[in-house]
């Protein structure tokens, strides 16, 4: 398949997703149009698209985490599921949310969830 089979919207979406997954401008500067096209074609696969969406969801959750987010039960459940399913490590979640592993464990217990990891 070639880039001619892609719509401009698909190509633009692939560029946006890639830039969100790889925020380093130095890396983005070396990406060719054909690389975006290849990525766009892979995003047509529902399994690939679902995996990318899940990854972006976790990245967005972790990068936007605030003390107020910790009060939102749905956000805590999403974080719990990401760790429990192996989509995110407990250490990464703790570091990105500004908590210790023990504080993360306490967050889950406070919300009535078992810690998805052992200390």
Protein backbone atom coordinates (compact mmCIF):
# COMPACT_ATOMS: atom_id res chain seq x y z
CA UNK A 1 0.00 0.00 0.00
CA UNK A 2 1.13 3.51 -0.65
CA UNK A 3 0.35 6.88 0.86
CA UNK A 4 -2.09 7.44 -2.02
CA UNK A 5 -4.49 5.02 -0.32
CA UNK A 6 -4.57 7.21 2.81
CA UNK A 7 -6.91 10.09 3.36
CA UNK A 8 -5.38 13.38 4.50
CA UNK A 9 -7.29 12.97 7.77
CA UNK A 10 -5.68 9.55 8.40
CA UNK A 11 -2.21 10.95 7.75
CA UNK A 12 -2.83 13.96 10.01
CA UNK A 13 -4.19 11.70 12.75
CA UNK A 14 -1.09 9.48 12.52
CA UNK A 15 1.17 12.55 12.83
CA UNK A 16 -0.74 13.81 15.87
CA UNK A 17 -0.70 10.41 17.59
CA UNK A 18 2.99 9.91 16.87
CA UNK A 19 3.84 13.36 18.26
CA UNK A 20 1.87 12.65 21.42
CA UNK A 21 3.57 9.28 21.87
CA UNK A 22 6.99 10.75 21.08
CA UNK A 23 7.06 14.33 22.41
CA UNK A 24 10.80 14.82 21.82
CA UNK A 25 11.22 17.38 18.97
CA UNK A 26 14.66 15.98 18.14
CA UNK A 27 13.11 12.62 17.31
CA UNK A 28 10.16 14.17 15.47
CA UNK A 29 12.55 16.13 13.24
CA UNK A 30 13.92 12.88 11.78
CA UNK A 31 10.58 11.30 10.94
CA UNK A 32 9.83 11.19 7.23
CA UNK A 33 6.42 11.53 5.62
CA UNK A 34 6.62 7.87 4.58
CA UNK A 35 7.09 6.88 8.24
CA UNK A 36 3.87 8.67 9.15
CA UNK A 37 2.16 6.94 6.23
CA UNK A 38 3.33 3.53 7.44
CA UNK A 39 2.13 4.34 10.94
CA UNK A 40 -1.23 5.49 9.58
CA UNK A 41 -1.66 2.22 7.72
CA UNK A 42 -0.90 0.27 10.90
CA UNK A 43 -3.48 2.33 12.78
CA UNK A 44 -6.13 0.91 10.44
CA UNK A 45 -5.74 -2.42 12.26
CA UNK A 46 -8.33 -2.33 15.08
CA UNK A 47 -6.01 -4.16 17.49
CA UNK A 48 -3.18 -1.69 16.87
CA UNK A 49 -5.55 1.26 17.14
CA UNK A 50 -6.97 -0.07 20.42
CA UNK A 51 -3.48 -0.54 21.86
CA UNK A 52 -2.43 2.95 20.82
CA UNK A 53 -5.63 4.43 22.28
CA UNK A 54 -5.04 2.59 25.57
CA UNK A 55 -1.44 3.82 25.71
CA UNK A 56 -2.49 7.41 25.01
CA UNK A 57 -5.19 7.17 27.67
CA UNK A 58 -2.63 6.08 30.26
CA UNK A 59 -0.16 8.78 29.19
CA UNK A 60 -2.86 11.43 29.43
CA UNK A 61 -4.00 10.18 32.83
CA UNK A 62 -0.48 10.16 34.27
CA UNK A 63 0.59 13.51 32.81
CA UNK A 64 -2.55 15.28 33.98
CA UNK A 65 -2.62 13.75 37.48
CA UNK A 66 -3.19 16.24 40.29
CA UNK A 67 -4.21 15.87 43.93
CA UNK A 68 -7.78 16.58 42.75
CA UNK A 69 -7.54 13.65 40.31
CA UNK A 70 -6.76 11.37 43.25
CA UNK A 71 -10.21 12.28 44.62
CA UNK A 72 -11.91 11.11 41.41
CA UNK A 73 -12.89 7.46 41.85
CA UNK A 74 -13.05 6.78 38.09
CA UNK A 75 -9.49 8.05 37.60
CA UNK A 76 -8.24 5.90 40.47
CA UNK A 77 -9.97 2.87 38.95
CA UNK A 78 -8.39 3.60 35.54
CA UNK A 79 -4.96 3.84 37.16
CA UNK A 80 -5.59 0.63 39.11
CA UNK A 81 -6.61 -1.20 35.94
CA UNK A 82 -3.57 0.07 34.01
CA UNK A 83 -1.25 -1.32 36.68
CA UNK A 84 -3.25 -4.52 37.20
CA UNK A 85 -3.30 -5.33 33.47
CA UNK A 86 0.42 -4.61 33.09
CA UNK A 87 -0.11 -1.58 30.85
CA UNK A 88 1.84 0.57 33.32
CA UNK A 89 4.22 -0.34 36.12
CA UNK A 90 3.48 0.66 39.71
CA UNK A 91 6.81 2.49 39.89
CA UNK A 92 6.07 4.53 36.78
CA UNK A 93 2.57 5.34 38.04
CA UNK A 94 3.93 6.43 41.41
CA UNK A 95 6.67 8.56 39.85
CA UNK A 96 4.36 10.25 37.32
CA UNK A 97 1.67 10.95 39.91
CA UNK A 98 4.18 12.33 42.41
CA UNK A 99 3.45 9.66 45.01
CA UNK A 100 5.49 6.98 46.70
CA UNK A 101 4.63 3.32 46.15
CA UNK A 102 3.19 3.25 49.69
CA UNK A 103 1.03 6.33 49.00
CA UNK A 104 -0.19 4.75 45.77
CA UNK A 105 -1.10 1.58 47.66
CA UNK A 106 -2.95 3.66 50.25
CA UNK A 107 -4.82 5.50 47.49
CA UNK A 108 -6.21 2.21 46.22
CA UNK A 109 -7.10 0.95 49.70
CA UNK A 110 -8.84 4.25 50.50
CA UNK A 111 -10.97 3.77 47.38
CA UNK A 112 -11.84 0.17 48.29
CA UNK A 113 -9.54 -1.41 45.71
CA UNK A 114 -6.90 -4.04 46.44
CA UNK A 115 -3.38 -2.88 45.59
CA UNK A 116 -2.54 -4.35 42.15
CA UNK A 117 1.03 -4.94 43.29
CA UNK A 118 2.90 -6.35 46.28
CA UNK A 119 5.45 -4.45 48.30
